[in-house]
Amino acid sequence: MDYRSAGVKFALKLNMYGHPVETRFADFVRVAQEAEELGFDAVYTIDHLFLPPDQVAGFSDYADLGRPFFPEAWTAMAALAARTRRIRIGPQVTPMMRYHPALMAKFGAGIDWLSEGRFVLQVGTGWNPDEYHRYGLPYVESFSTRYAQLVEGMEVIDALWTREAVDYQGEHYQLKGATMWPKPVTKPRPPMWIGGSGPSTRRLVARMGDAWTPAAPHYTGLEADFYASSLSEIRRMAAEEYHRDPARILGAALFFVVIDTTSAEASEAASTLRRRDAWKEMSVEEMGAKGVALIGDGEAVTRFLEPFVDAGARYFTLGFVPIRDADETIRRMRIFAEEVMPNFMSSE
């Protein structure tokens, strides 16, 4: 397969956590602008108030994580949209249960409007009950209920973005004569991508999603065989059960990447991942083999991605670790852009 003709795109997961509390927003702007110059398609932000310390420690080599550093995602997205020209902007992913979908629709339409059509909404059911309990926010224990909220929420957002006025009577959300202006610049509406890899999530992608973007680090990794069979299943359901064009469902994925000029240097840096409890018993080699993270020099990372392209993935979001500072992130981004991206992207 000529991977350079496959139409693969790459996006940056902007890791706005695990940094010193003195970090300036200008540093994140600099990273986003560098991503734009290097040819990345988008910059996506994390949308959390808090993450368990061991998870942050697995990605960051900053020593003092006692003060959780989490800039608010939506204000950051708006500011990044105003400071960039081409790259797309969005959350990866935002939990439906934390926001009423009318608010999410309004926020997203606003970012799409001020960026002149560069917004991508990535949504999921939400997780991490500790985050909700610490801040006194309601957390729904039942996955089936969170899933139903996600389905209804996507229907509400779609309606507010595309209709003059909306009447909606669901189990979780009710709207009466709701209007929303200005509408998004993107027509008929901004894309809605869905994260997660379970059976219910895959069915929702088939029914409503514009892309499937599972996040490998949330579990024990992501393997190409599972990805291929799942994407095939999603597209089959889309065509047979929901009468959608399966080709319009983008195959995407999120990976963390530890890349350096040599595989030995990358392996040394990847030891930071073992600070996370779920991975502390795994060797660096095991983490790479299971797809917990892409680890190595440009050639090794390229070899890892090729089976996913064979499986139908055409879009990869990458979070560069260890998280340290803007200069270190930019250094690793440049290695990736110079040594990996040309193997998948035509220069024409």
Protein backbone atom coordinates (compact mmCIF):
# COMPACT_ATOMS: atom_id res chain seq x y z
CA MET A 1 0.00 0.00 0.00
CA ASP A 2 1.22 3.49 -0.85
CA TYR A 3 0.54 5.13 2.49
CA ARG A 4 1.28 8.60 1.09
CA SER A 5 -1.83 8.33 -1.10
CA ALA A 6 -4.13 7.25 1.73
CA GLY A 7 -5.12 10.78 2.75
CA VAL A 8 -3.99 10.42 6.36
CA LYS A 9 -4.18 13.47 8.63
CA PHE A 10 -2.63 14.15 12.01
CA ALA A 11 -3.87 16.29 14.88
CA LEU A 12 -2.25 17.43 18.11
CA LYS A 13 -3.74 16.60 21.51
CA LEU A 14 -2.78 19.71 23.45
CA ASN A 15 -1.98 18.36 26.90
CA MET A 16 -2.98 21.28 29.11
CA TYR A 17 -2.34 19.44 32.35
CA GLY A 18 0.61 18.13 34.33
CA HIS A 19 2.37 21.50 34.05
CA PRO A 20 3.58 23.88 36.76
CA VAL A 21 0.82 26.21 37.91
CA GLU A 22 2.96 29.14 36.76
CA THR A 23 2.67 28.03 33.12
CA ARG A 24 1.54 30.84 30.80
CA PHE A 25 -1.21 30.43 28.24
CA ALA A 26 1.21 31.94 25.73
CA ASP A 27 3.13 28.65 25.88
CA PHE A 28 0.08 26.70 24.68
CA VAL A 29 -0.52 29.27 21.96
CA ARG A 30 3.06 28.76 20.83
CA VAL A 31 2.57 24.98 20.66
CA ALA A 32 -0.68 25.36 18.69
CA GLN A 33 0.90 27.78 16.23
CA GLU A 34 3.85 25.44 15.76
CA ALA A 35 1.45 22.57 15.06
CA GLU A 36 -0.18 24.71 12.40
CA GLU A 37 3.16 25.49 10.77
CA LEU A 38 4.21 21.83 10.82
CA GLY A 39 1.09 20.72 8.94
CA PHE A 40 -1.07 19.24 11.69
CA ASP A 41 -4.77 19.33 10.85
CA ALA A 42 -6.10 20.31 14.27
CA VAL A 43 -5.41 21.05 17.91
CA TYR A 44 -7.73 19.37 20.42
CA THR A 45 -7.91 20.08 24.14
CA ILE A 46 -8.69 17.94 27.15
CA ASP A 47 -11.95 18.82 28.94
CA HIS A 48 -11.62 18.02 32.65
CA LEU A 49 -11.65 19.75 35.99
CA PHE A 50 -9.43 17.13 37.53
CA LEU A 51 -7.86 13.74 36.84
CA PRO A 52 -6.61 11.13 39.29
CA PRO A 53 -3.03 12.02 40.27
CA ASP A 54 -1.62 8.66 39.18
CA GLN A 55 -2.99 9.17 35.68
CA VAL A 56 -1.46 12.60 35.35
CA ALA A 57 1.81 11.26 36.75
CA GLY A 58 1.85 8.66 34.00
CA PHE A 59 2.08 11.35 31.35
CA SER A 60 3.93 14.18 33.08
CA ASP A 61 7.44 14.19 34.50
CA TYR A 62 6.77 17.36 36.46
CA ALA A 63 7.69 16.60 40.07
CA ASP A 64 4.99 18.57 41.98
CA LEU A 65 1.53 17.41 40.91
CA GLY A 66 -0.15 18.33 44.17
CA ARG A 67 -1.84 21.35 42.60
CA PRO A 68 -3.85 20.04 39.61
CA PHE A 69 -3.25 22.35 36.66
CA PHE A 70 -6.31 22.26 34.37
CA PRO A 71 -7.09 25.36 32.27
CA GLU A 72 -10.75 25.49 31.29
CA ALA A 73 -11.15 23.85 27.89
CA TRP A 74 -13.80 25.97 26.17
CA THR A 75 -12.26 29.36 26.94
CA ALA A 76 -8.90 27.97 25.85
CA MET A 77 -10.39 26.71 22.57
CA ALA A 78 -11.86 30.11 21.82
CA ALA A 79 -8.54 31.82 22.49
CA LEU A 80 -6.65 29.30 20.35
CA ALA A 81 -9.12 29.75 17.51
CA ALA A 82 -8.44 33.49 17.59
CA ARG A 83 -4.65 32.97 17.50
CA THR A 84 -4.51 30.45 14.62
CA ARG A 85 -5.50 30.59 10.95
CA ARG A 86 -6.00 27.10 9.53
CA ILE A 87 -6.06 24.33 12.11
CA ARG A 88 -9.32 22.96 13.42
CA ILE A 89 -10.19 23.33 17.10
CA GLY A 90 -12.24 21.19 19.47
CA PRO A 91 -12.43 19.14 22.67
CA GLN A 92 -11.30 15.54 22.82
CA VAL A 93 -13.61 14.58 24.28
CA THR A 94 -16.20 16.55 26.22
CA PRO A 95 -18.59 14.63 28.53
CA MET A 96 -22.24 15.15 27.74
CA MET A 97 -23.35 14.73 31.33
CA ARG A 98 -21.38 17.77 32.53
CA TYR A 99 -23.11 20.26 30.23
CA HIS A 100 -26.67 20.76 29.10
CA PRO A 101 -26.52 20.13 25.33
CA ALA A 102 -27.98 23.59 24.64
CA LEU A 103 -24.91 25.11 26.30
CA MET A 104 -22.57 22.80 24.40
CA ALA A 105 -24.32 23.74 21.15
CA LYS A 106 -23.97 27.43 21.97
CA PHE A 107 -20.30 27.15 22.91
CA GLY A 108 -19.51 25.11 19.80
CA ALA A 109 -21.42 27.40 17.45
CA GLY A 110 -19.54 30.35 18.92
CA ILE A 111 -16.12 28.78 18.37
CA ASP A 112 -17.10 27.73 14.84
CA TRP A 113 -18.28 31.29 14.16
CA LEU A 114 -15.18 33.07 15.47
CA SER A 115 -12.83 30.55 13.78
CA GLU A 116 -14.75 30.79 10.48
CA GLY A 117 -15.68 27.14 10.34
CA ARG A 118 -12.92 25.22 12.12
CA PHE A 119 -14.76 23.62 15.04
CA VAL A 120 -15.02 19.85 15.64
CA LEU A 121 -17.16 18.55 18.52
CA GLN A 122 -15.93 15.33 20.08
CA VAL A 123 -18.25 13.87 22.70
CA GLY A 124 -18.51 10.92 25.03
CA THR A 125 -20.51 9.56 27.94
CA GLY A 126 -18.08 10.80 30.58
CA TRP A 127 -16.29 8.91 33.32
CA ASN A 128 -14.10 9.53 36.40
CA PRO A 129 -16.66 9.82 39.24
CA ASP A 130 -14.00 11.23 41.57
CA GLU A 131 -13.85 14.36 39.40
CA TYR A 132 -17.58 14.96 39.88
CA HIS A 133 -17.73 14.08 43.57
CA ARG A 134 -14.87 16.41 44.51
CA TYR A 135 -16.67 19.40 43.03
CA GLY A 136 -20.18 18.49 44.12
CA LEU A 137 -21.35 17.81 40.58
CA PRO A 138 -23.95 15.12 39.90
CA TYR A 139 -22.50 11.89 38.57
CA VAL A 140 -24.68 9.27 36.91
CA GLU A 141 -23.43 5.81 37.88
CA SER A 142 -25.49 3.96 35.28
CA PHE A 143 -23.71 3.72 31.94
CA SER A 144 -27.01 3.09 30.17
CA THR A 145 -28.32 6.39 31.53
CA ARG A 146 -25.17 8.28 30.52
CA TYR A 147 -25.43 6.69 27.10
CA ALA A 148 -29.06 7.79 26.75
CA GLN A 149 -28.02 11.32 27.73
CA LEU A 150 -25.34 11.25 25.06
CA VAL A 151 -27.78 10.14 22.36
CA GLU A 152 -30.36 12.76 23.29
CA GLY A 153 -27.69 15.43 23.70
CA MET A 154 -26.36 14.84 20.20
CA GLU A 155 -29.89 15.04 18.81
CA VAL A 156 -30.46 18.35 20.61
CA ILE A 157 -27.16 19.84 19.39
CA ASP A 158 -27.82 18.75 15.81
CA ALA A 159 -31.29 20.30 15.93
CA LEU A 160 -30.12 23.61 17.41
CA TRP A 161 -27.37 23.88 14.81
CA THR A 162 -29.58 23.11 11.81
CA ARG A 163 -33.17 24.20 12.55
CA GLU A 164 -34.92 27.53 12.89
CA ALA A 165 -36.58 26.55 16.15
CA VAL A 166 -36.51 23.34 18.17
CA ASP A 167 -39.16 21.45 20.11
CA TYR A 168 -37.66 18.37 21.73
CA GLN A 169 -39.22 15.99 24.23
CA GLY A 170 -36.77 13.41 25.50
CA GLU A 171 -36.36 11.54 28.75
CA HIS A 172 -33.44 13.72 29.80
CA TYR A 173 -33.81 16.96 27.82
CA GLN A 174 -36.84 19.04 26.84
CA LEU A 175 -36.83 22.15 24.63
CA LYS A 176 -39.76 24.34 23.63
CA GLY A 177 -39.38 26.74 20.73
CA ALA A 178 -35.61 26.98 21.34
CA THR A 179 -33.66 29.07 18.83
CA MET A 180 -29.94 29.61 18.41
CA TRP A 181 -28.21 32.32 16.42
CA PRO A 182 -25.74 32.76 14.91
CA LYS A 183 -25.67 29.29 13.44
CA PRO A 184 -22.31 27.61 12.92
CA VAL A 185 -20.39 28.66 9.82
CA THR A 186 -19.83 24.99 8.90
CA LYS A 187 -22.75 23.60 6.87
CA PRO A 188 -24.89 21.71 7.48
CA ARG A 189 -23.19 21.68 10.91
CA PRO A 190 -19.78 21.06 12.50
CA PRO A 191 -18.68 17.42 12.63
CA MET A 192 -19.60 15.38 15.70
CA TRP A 193 -17.05 12.71 16.54
CA ILE A 194 -17.54 10.05 19.19
CA GLY A 195 -14.90 8.63 21.52
CA GLY A 196 -15.00 5.25 23.25
CA SER A 197 -14.69 1.69 22.02
CA GLY A 198 -17.50 -0.32 23.63
CA PRO A 199 -20.37 -1.94 21.67
CA SER A 200 -22.93 0.76 22.54
CA THR A 201 -20.55 3.50 21.49
CA ARG A 202 -19.77 1.79 18.21
CA ARG A 203 -23.49 1.52 17.48
CA LEU A 204 -23.97 5.23 18.20
CA VAL A 205 -21.16 6.07 15.77
CA ALA A 206 -22.96 4.02 13.12
CA ARG A 207 -26.20 5.84 13.84
CA MET A 208 -25.06 9.45 14.29
CA GLY A 209 -21.30 9.94 14.34
CA ASP A 210 -19.15 11.56 11.69
CA ALA A 211 -16.05 9.78 13.03
CA TRP A 212 -15.04 7.06 15.44
CA THR A 213 -12.08 8.14 17.57
CA PRO A 214 -11.27 5.64 20.34
CA ALA A 215 -8.67 6.71 22.88
CA ALA A 216 -6.14 3.95 23.36
CA PRO A 217 -4.68 5.26 26.63
CA HIS A 218 -7.98 5.01 28.49
CA TYR A 219 -7.80 1.25 28.46
CA THR A 220 -4.98 -1.24 28.05
CA GLY A 221 -4.04 -0.11 24.57
CA LEU A 222 -5.46 -0.44 21.08
CA GLU A 223 -4.59 -3.15 18.60
CA ALA A 224 -4.99 -2.94 14.83
CA ASP A 225 -7.03 -6.17 14.50
CA PHE A 226 -9.65 -4.92 16.97
CA TYR A 227 -9.70 -1.55 15.27
CA ALA A 228 -10.21 -3.09 11.82
CA SER A 229 -13.07 -5.38 12.88
CA SER A 230 -14.76 -2.62 14.89
CA LEU A 231 -14.60 -0.04 12.12
CA SER A 232 -15.93 -2.60 9.65
CA GLU A 233 -18.79 -3.37 12.03
CA ILE A 234 -19.58 0.33 12.46
CA ARG A 235 -19.74 0.90 8.73
CA ARG A 236 -21.85 -2.22 8.17
CA MET A 237 -24.39 -1.10 10.78
CA ALA A 238 -24.43 2.41 9.31
CA ALA A 239 -25.35 1.08 5.88
CA GLU A 240 -27.67 -1.80 6.79
CA GLU A 241 -29.47 -0.49 9.87
CA TYR A 242 -29.34 3.30 9.59
CA HIS A 243 -29.18 3.76 5.81
CA ARG A 244 -26.15 6.02 6.01
CA ASP A 245 -23.22 6.20 3.63
CA PRO A 246 -20.54 4.24 5.53
CA ALA A 247 -17.76 6.01 3.65
CA ARG A 248 -18.75 9.23 5.42
CA ILE A 249 -17.73 7.82 8.83
CA LEU A 250 -14.10 8.72 9.38
CA GLY A 251 -11.83 6.20 11.06
CA ALA A 252 -9.75 8.03 13.66
CA ALA A 253 -7.83 7.21 16.85
CA LEU A 254 -6.01 8.91 19.72
CA PHE A 255 -2.57 7.75 20.81
CA PHE A 256 0.08 9.06 23.11
CA VAL A 257 3.50 9.20 21.49
CA VAL A 258 6.97 9.06 22.95
CA ILE A 259 9.24 9.86 20.02
CA ASP A 260 12.88 10.88 19.97
CA THR A 261 15.83 10.87 17.62
CA THR A 262 16.74 7.33 18.68
CA SER A 263 14.63 4.47 20.01
CA ALA A 264 16.89 4.22 23.04
CA GLU A 265 16.17 7.83 23.98
CA ALA A 266 12.46 7.29 23.41
CA SER A 267 12.44 4.17 25.59
CA GLU A 268 14.16 6.05 28.38
CA ALA A 269 11.61 8.85 28.20
CA ALA A 270 8.75 6.34 28.12
CA SER A 271 9.61 5.20 31.64
CA THR A 272 7.43 8.10 32.80
CA LEU A 273 4.37 6.11 31.67
CA ARG A 274 5.11 3.53 34.33
CA ARG A 275 4.27 6.10 37.01
CA ARG A 276 0.62 5.32 36.25
CA ASP A 277 -0.66 2.46 38.41
CA ALA A 278 -2.30 0.63 35.49
CA TRP A 279 0.99 0.44 33.62
CA LYS A 280 3.60 0.17 36.37
CA GLU A 281 4.06 -3.58 35.89
CA MET A 282 4.45 -3.27 32.11
CA SER A 283 7.77 -2.97 30.35
CA VAL A 284 8.29 -0.27 27.79
CA GLU A 285 8.28 -2.97 25.11
CA GLU A 286 4.91 -4.28 26.31
CA MET A 287 3.40 -0.79 26.33
CA GLY A 288 4.51 -0.29 22.75
CA ALA A 289 3.30 -3.71 21.59
CA LYS A 290 -0.16 -3.24 23.12
CA GLY A 291 -0.60 0.26 21.73
CA VAL A 292 -0.65 2.00 25.10
CA ALA A 293 1.71 4.50 23.48
CA LEU A 294 3.73 4.80 20.28
CA ILE A 295 7.33 4.56 21.43
CA GLY A 296 10.51 4.88 19.41
CA ASP A 297 12.24 6.84 16.70
CA GLY A 298 10.49 7.97 13.52
CA GLU A 299 10.88 4.60 11.81
CA ALA A 300 9.42 2.67 14.77
CA VAL A 301 6.43 5.01 15.10
CA THR A 302 5.80 4.76 11.35
CA ARG A 303 5.77 0.96 11.53
CA PHE A 304 3.25 1.08 14.36
CA LEU A 305 0.84 3.32 12.46
CA GLU A 306 0.90 1.40 9.18
CA PRO A 307 -1.38 -1.49 10.33
CA PHE A 308 -3.95 1.05 11.53
CA VAL A 309 -3.96 2.71 8.14
CA ASP A 310 -4.39 -0.75 6.60
CA ALA A 311 -7.33 -1.19 9.00
CA GLY A 312 -9.03 1.97 7.74
CA ALA A 313 -7.78 4.72 10.06
CA ARG A 314 -7.21 7.99 8.25
CA TYR A 315 -6.89 10.37 11.16
CA PHE A 316 -4.59 10.20 14.18
CA THR A 317 -4.62 12.54 17.17
CA LEU A 318 -1.32 12.47 19.03
CA GLY A 319 -0.47 13.50 22.56
CA PHE A 320 3.27 13.96 22.98
CA VAL A 321 4.72 12.77 26.27
CA PRO A 322 6.39 13.14 28.67
CA ILE A 323 4.51 16.37 29.33
CA ARG A 324 7.05 18.90 30.47
CA ASP A 325 6.98 22.28 28.78
CA ALA A 326 6.32 23.93 25.43
CA ASP A 327 9.89 23.61 24.16
CA GLU A 328 10.02 19.88 24.82
CA THR A 329 6.63 19.29 23.19
CA ILE A 330 7.65 21.30 20.13
CA ARG A 331 10.92 19.37 19.85
CA ARG A 332 9.07 16.05 19.73
CA MET A 333 6.43 17.44 17.36
CA ARG A 334 9.18 18.47 14.95
CA ILE A 335 10.72 15.00 15.00
CA PHE A 336 7.32 13.51 14.21
CA ALA A 337 6.65 16.03 11.43
CA GLU A 338 10.05 15.43 9.84
CA GLU A 339 10.34 11.66 10.21
CA VAL A 340 6.77 10.25 10.32
CA MET A 341 4.32 12.56 8.56
CA PRO A 342 6.05 12.43 5.15
CA ASN A 343 5.51 8.66 5.11
CA PHE A 344 1.73 9.16 5.15
CA MET A 345 1.11 12.52 3.52
CA SER A 346 1.67 13.42 -0.12
CA SER A 347 3.86 16.45 -0.75
CA GLU A 348 1.70 17.47 -3.71
